[in-house]
Amino acid sequence: MAGPVTAAAGTTVLDVVAGDRLLPVVVLDDVEAAPPLGAALKAGGLRTVEVTLRTRTAVAAIRALADHTDLVVGAGTVTTVDQVEQVIDAGARFVVCPGFSAAVVRRCQEHGVPVIPGVATPTEIQTALDAGLSVLKFFPAEQLGGLPMLKALAAPYPGLRFVPTGGITTANLRGYLDHPSVLAVGGTWMVAAGLLAAGRWDDVTTLTAAALAAAREGDR
């Protein structure tokens, strides 16, 4: 099990994401499931989780996870400035967006909260660079052409880091993580909706541990 997220002095939120190399992307319908979900992820070795704003209970779930676990909790599928305010008030420590919104990025920066917007083209990457960002979400990764497309996009931008999300599994994550532009990968398989709805927390822990082992295999 991972240690407290505040263990290392000077560690940033993105350092923690980079250390895990795996960001679980959660769609949570029941806020009561948040505490056991957090415990299951930590038992599997993770220190980070992204809760997407795809349900009515998402903001409450972020608050529950932030209040009752030592995970670094982020908010995903953030598309408006109002949502930025809601999730930061709930305790989100980073924000992830499906695409690039200058207004959303600016508000996160005003709050001093890391933001990882989604990009799919060189133009979007240039726009993000102009906004002062250095970590971007490549989304939807597999549907856009997967690792070959990411390599092509990353080539002109040395030093830029990506979090590919969309179609990532234990079977293909290692290929992404072996590329130097990849900070971490995002995925849902260890926190699949069926597992959460059934309260199969032991399975969440098992899948998380297996995914982390695969993610870190080439980093030893």
Protein backbone atom coordinates (compact mmCIF):
# COMPACT_ATOMS: atom_id res chain seq x y z
CA MET A 1 0.00 0.00 0.00
CA ALA A 2 1.30 3.47 -0.88
CA GLY A 3 2.31 5.92 1.79
CA PRO A 4 0.67 9.28 2.52
CA VAL A 5 0.57 11.61 -0.42
CA THR A 6 2.27 14.33 1.61
CA ALA A 7 5.25 12.19 2.57
CA ALA A 8 7.82 13.92 0.37
CA ALA A 9 8.47 17.62 0.93
CA GLY A 10 7.92 19.65 -2.22
CA THR A 11 5.91 16.92 -3.96
CA THR A 12 3.29 18.36 -6.30
CA VAL A 13 -0.01 16.86 -7.38
CA LEU A 14 1.40 16.07 -10.81
CA ASP A 15 4.42 14.42 -9.14
CA VAL A 16 2.01 12.05 -7.41
CA VAL A 17 0.20 11.28 -10.67
CA ALA A 18 3.55 10.68 -12.35
CA GLY A 19 4.63 8.42 -9.51
CA ASP A 20 1.55 6.22 -9.81
CA ARG A 21 1.69 6.30 -13.64
CA LEU A 22 -1.95 5.19 -13.58
CA LEU A 23 -5.00 7.43 -13.09
CA PRO A 24 -8.31 5.65 -12.46
CA VAL A 25 -11.22 7.46 -14.10
CA VAL A 26 -14.36 6.96 -12.02
CA VAL A 27 -18.04 7.39 -12.83
CA LEU A 28 -19.77 7.18 -9.46
CA ASP A 29 -23.56 7.05 -9.12
CA ASP A 30 -23.72 6.51 -5.36
CA VAL A 31 -21.92 8.85 -3.00
CA GLU A 32 -22.04 6.19 -0.29
CA ALA A 33 -19.67 4.14 -2.42
CA ALA A 34 -16.97 6.81 -2.29
CA PRO A 35 -15.30 5.84 1.03
CA PRO A 36 -15.03 2.09 0.25
CA LEU A 37 -13.85 2.93 -3.26
CA GLY A 38 -11.10 5.10 -1.85
CA ALA A 39 -10.07 2.36 0.56
CA ALA A 40 -10.03 -0.23 -2.25
CA LEU A 41 -7.86 1.93 -4.50
CA LYS A 42 -5.38 2.62 -1.70
CA ALA A 43 -5.26 -1.05 -0.79
CA GLY A 44 -4.29 -1.72 -4.41
CA GLY A 45 -1.46 0.81 -4.13
CA LEU A 46 -2.90 3.91 -5.81
CA ARG A 47 -2.72 7.44 -4.44
CA THR A 48 -4.73 9.27 -7.10
CA VAL A 49 -8.27 9.14 -8.50
CA GLU A 50 -10.24 11.20 -11.01
CA VAL A 51 -13.99 11.44 -10.41
CA THR A 52 -15.81 12.50 -13.57
CA LEU A 53 -18.70 14.95 -13.56
CA ARG A 54 -20.94 12.54 -15.41
CA THR A 55 -23.40 11.92 -12.57
CA ARG A 56 -25.44 14.08 -10.22
CA THR A 57 -23.50 12.74 -7.25
CA ALA A 58 -20.02 13.45 -8.65
CA VAL A 59 -19.30 16.63 -6.67
CA ALA A 60 -20.53 15.02 -3.45
CA ALA A 61 -18.37 11.98 -4.21
CA ILE A 62 -15.32 14.21 -4.66
CA ARG A 63 -16.06 15.80 -1.30
CA ALA A 64 -16.46 12.40 0.37
CA LEU A 65 -13.21 11.08 -1.07
CA ALA A 66 -11.34 14.27 -0.18
CA ASP A 67 -12.71 14.22 3.37
CA HIS A 68 -12.26 10.55 4.20
CA THR A 69 -9.20 9.27 2.33
CA ASP A 70 -5.62 10.36 1.78
CA LEU A 71 -5.96 10.03 -1.97
CA VAL A 72 -5.15 12.95 -4.25
CA VAL A 73 -8.65 13.48 -5.65
CA GLY A 74 -9.25 15.18 -8.98
CA ALA A 75 -12.32 16.12 -10.99
CA GLY A 76 -12.77 14.96 -14.56
CA THR A 77 -15.08 15.94 -17.43
CA VAL A 78 -14.92 19.56 -16.25
CA THR A 79 -16.24 21.77 -19.05
CA THR A 80 -17.35 25.06 -17.42
CA VAL A 81 -16.00 27.69 -15.06
CA ASP A 82 -18.91 27.06 -12.68
CA GLN A 83 -17.88 23.42 -12.44
CA VAL A 84 -14.32 24.49 -11.63
CA GLU A 85 -15.64 26.43 -8.63
CA GLN A 86 -17.79 23.52 -7.48
CA VAL A 87 -15.09 20.87 -7.64
CA ILE A 88 -12.40 22.99 -6.02
CA ASP A 89 -14.82 23.85 -3.21
CA ALA A 90 -15.45 20.10 -2.83
CA GLY A 91 -11.73 19.42 -2.41
CA ALA A 92 -10.52 18.50 -5.90
CA ARG A 93 -6.76 18.99 -6.14
CA PHE A 94 -6.53 18.78 -9.92
CA VAL A 95 -8.90 19.19 -12.86
CA VAL A 96 -9.12 17.15 -16.06
CA CYS A 97 -11.08 18.27 -19.13
CA PRO A 98 -12.17 16.36 -22.26
CA GLY A 99 -11.06 19.28 -24.44
CA PHE A 100 -9.36 22.67 -24.21
CA SER A 101 -11.30 25.62 -22.76
CA ALA A 102 -9.35 28.83 -22.24
CA ALA A 103 -11.84 29.98 -19.60
CA VAL A 104 -11.63 26.75 -17.62
CA VAL A 105 -7.84 26.67 -17.80
CA ARG A 106 -7.58 30.30 -16.72
CA ARG A 107 -9.87 29.80 -13.72
CA CYS A 108 -7.92 26.74 -12.57
CA GLN A 109 -4.69 28.70 -12.87
CA GLU A 110 -6.20 31.54 -10.86
CA HIS A 111 -6.93 29.03 -8.11
CA GLY A 112 -3.47 27.49 -8.40
CA VAL A 113 -4.99 24.09 -9.21
CA PRO A 114 -3.31 21.92 -11.88
CA VAL A 115 -5.45 21.44 -14.98
CA ILE A 116 -5.00 18.77 -17.65
CA PRO A 117 -7.11 19.62 -20.71
CA GLY A 118 -7.77 17.16 -23.51
CA VAL A 119 -6.09 17.64 -26.88
CA ALA A 120 -6.29 15.79 -30.18
CA THR A 121 -4.52 18.06 -32.69
CA PRO A 122 -1.34 20.13 -33.02
CA THR A 123 -3.43 23.31 -32.98
CA GLU A 124 -4.91 22.38 -29.60
CA ILE A 125 -1.44 21.55 -28.29
CA GLN A 126 -0.15 24.96 -29.45
CA THR A 127 -3.08 26.66 -27.73
CA ALA A 128 -2.34 24.79 -24.50
CA LEU A 129 1.34 25.72 -24.70
CA ASP A 130 0.38 29.37 -25.16
CA ALA A 131 -1.63 29.04 -21.93
CA GLY A 132 1.49 27.89 -20.10
CA LEU A 133 0.58 24.21 -19.76
CA SER A 134 3.08 21.36 -19.90
CA VAL A 135 0.87 18.31 -19.17
CA LEU A 136 -2.05 17.48 -21.47
CA LYS A 137 -4.61 14.71 -21.83
CA PHE A 138 -4.51 12.82 -25.14
CA PHE A 139 -8.17 11.88 -25.60
CA PRO A 140 -9.72 9.66 -26.82
CA ALA A 141 -6.39 7.92 -27.25
CA GLU A 142 -7.15 4.64 -29.01
CA GLN A 143 -9.91 6.12 -31.15
CA LEU A 144 -7.51 8.82 -32.40
CA GLY A 145 -4.93 6.31 -33.56
CA GLY A 146 -3.34 5.17 -30.33
CA LEU A 147 0.37 5.17 -29.67
CA PRO A 148 1.46 5.89 -33.29
CA MET A 149 -0.67 9.04 -33.30
CA LEU A 150 0.65 10.12 -29.90
CA LYS A 151 4.24 9.66 -31.05
CA ALA A 152 3.55 11.82 -34.10
CA LEU A 153 1.89 14.55 -32.05
CA ALA A 154 4.59 14.54 -29.36
CA ALA A 155 7.57 14.66 -31.72
CA PRO A 156 7.60 18.45 -32.33
CA TYR A 157 7.16 19.23 -28.61
CA PRO A 158 10.07 17.89 -26.55
CA GLY A 159 9.40 18.16 -22.84
CA LEU A 160 5.61 18.16 -23.20
CA ARG A 161 3.96 15.34 -21.25
CA PHE A 162 0.71 13.52 -21.96
CA VAL A 163 -1.87 11.47 -20.06
CA PRO A 164 -3.47 9.22 -22.73
CA THR A 165 -7.02 8.22 -21.84
CA GLY A 166 -9.64 6.31 -23.78
CA GLY A 167 -9.31 2.64 -24.66
CA ILE A 168 -6.35 2.09 -22.33
CA THR A 169 -6.19 -1.36 -20.69
CA THR A 170 -3.68 -3.51 -18.86
CA ALA A 171 -2.88 -5.08 -22.23
CA ASN A 172 -1.73 -1.87 -23.95
CA LEU A 173 -0.75 0.51 -21.16
CA ARG A 174 2.90 -0.56 -21.13
CA GLY A 175 3.38 0.54 -24.73
CA TYR A 176 2.15 4.02 -23.88
CA LEU A 177 4.17 4.29 -20.68
CA ASP A 178 7.37 3.29 -22.46
CA HIS A 179 7.16 6.46 -24.55
CA PRO A 180 9.05 9.34 -22.90
CA SER A 181 6.24 11.83 -23.52
CA VAL A 182 3.78 9.89 -21.35
CA LEU A 183 3.42 10.99 -17.74
CA ALA A 184 0.70 8.48 -16.84
CA VAL A 185 -2.29 6.75 -18.42
CA GLY A 186 -5.94 7.09 -17.50
CA GLY A 187 -8.31 4.15 -17.44
CA THR A 188 -11.61 2.79 -16.18
CA TRP A 189 -11.22 -0.99 -16.15
CA MET A 190 -10.17 -1.25 -12.49
CA VAL A 191 -13.14 0.95 -11.50
CA ALA A 192 -15.72 -0.32 -14.01
CA ALA A 193 -19.31 0.70 -13.35
CA GLY A 194 -20.42 -2.88 -12.72
CA LEU A 195 -17.80 -3.38 -10.02
CA LEU A 196 -18.78 -0.18 -8.24
CA ALA A 197 -22.51 -0.84 -8.45
CA ALA A 198 -22.05 -4.33 -7.00
CA GLY A 199 -19.68 -3.16 -4.27
CA ARG A 200 -16.97 -5.54 -5.43
CA TRP A 201 -14.21 -3.69 -3.60
CA ASP A 202 -11.88 -6.68 -3.39
CA ASP A 203 -12.00 -6.94 -7.18
CA VAL A 204 -11.23 -3.22 -7.48
CA THR A 205 -8.19 -3.73 -5.26
CA THR A 206 -7.03 -6.78 -7.22
CA LEU A 207 -7.42 -5.07 -10.60
CA THR A 208 -5.73 -1.92 -9.32
CA ALA A 209 -2.75 -3.85 -7.99
CA ALA A 210 -2.40 -5.77 -11.27
CA ALA A 211 -2.63 -2.58 -13.32
CA LEU A 212 -0.04 -0.84 -11.16
CA ALA A 213 2.31 -3.81 -11.46
CA ALA A 214 1.99 -3.65 -15.25
CA ALA A 215 2.42 0.12 -15.25
CA ARG A 216 5.60 -0.01 -13.20
CA GLU A 217 7.13 -3.10 -14.76
CA GLY A 218 9.34 -1.16 -17.15
CA ASP A 219 10.25 1.48 -14.57
CA ARG A 220 12.28 -0.83 -12.34
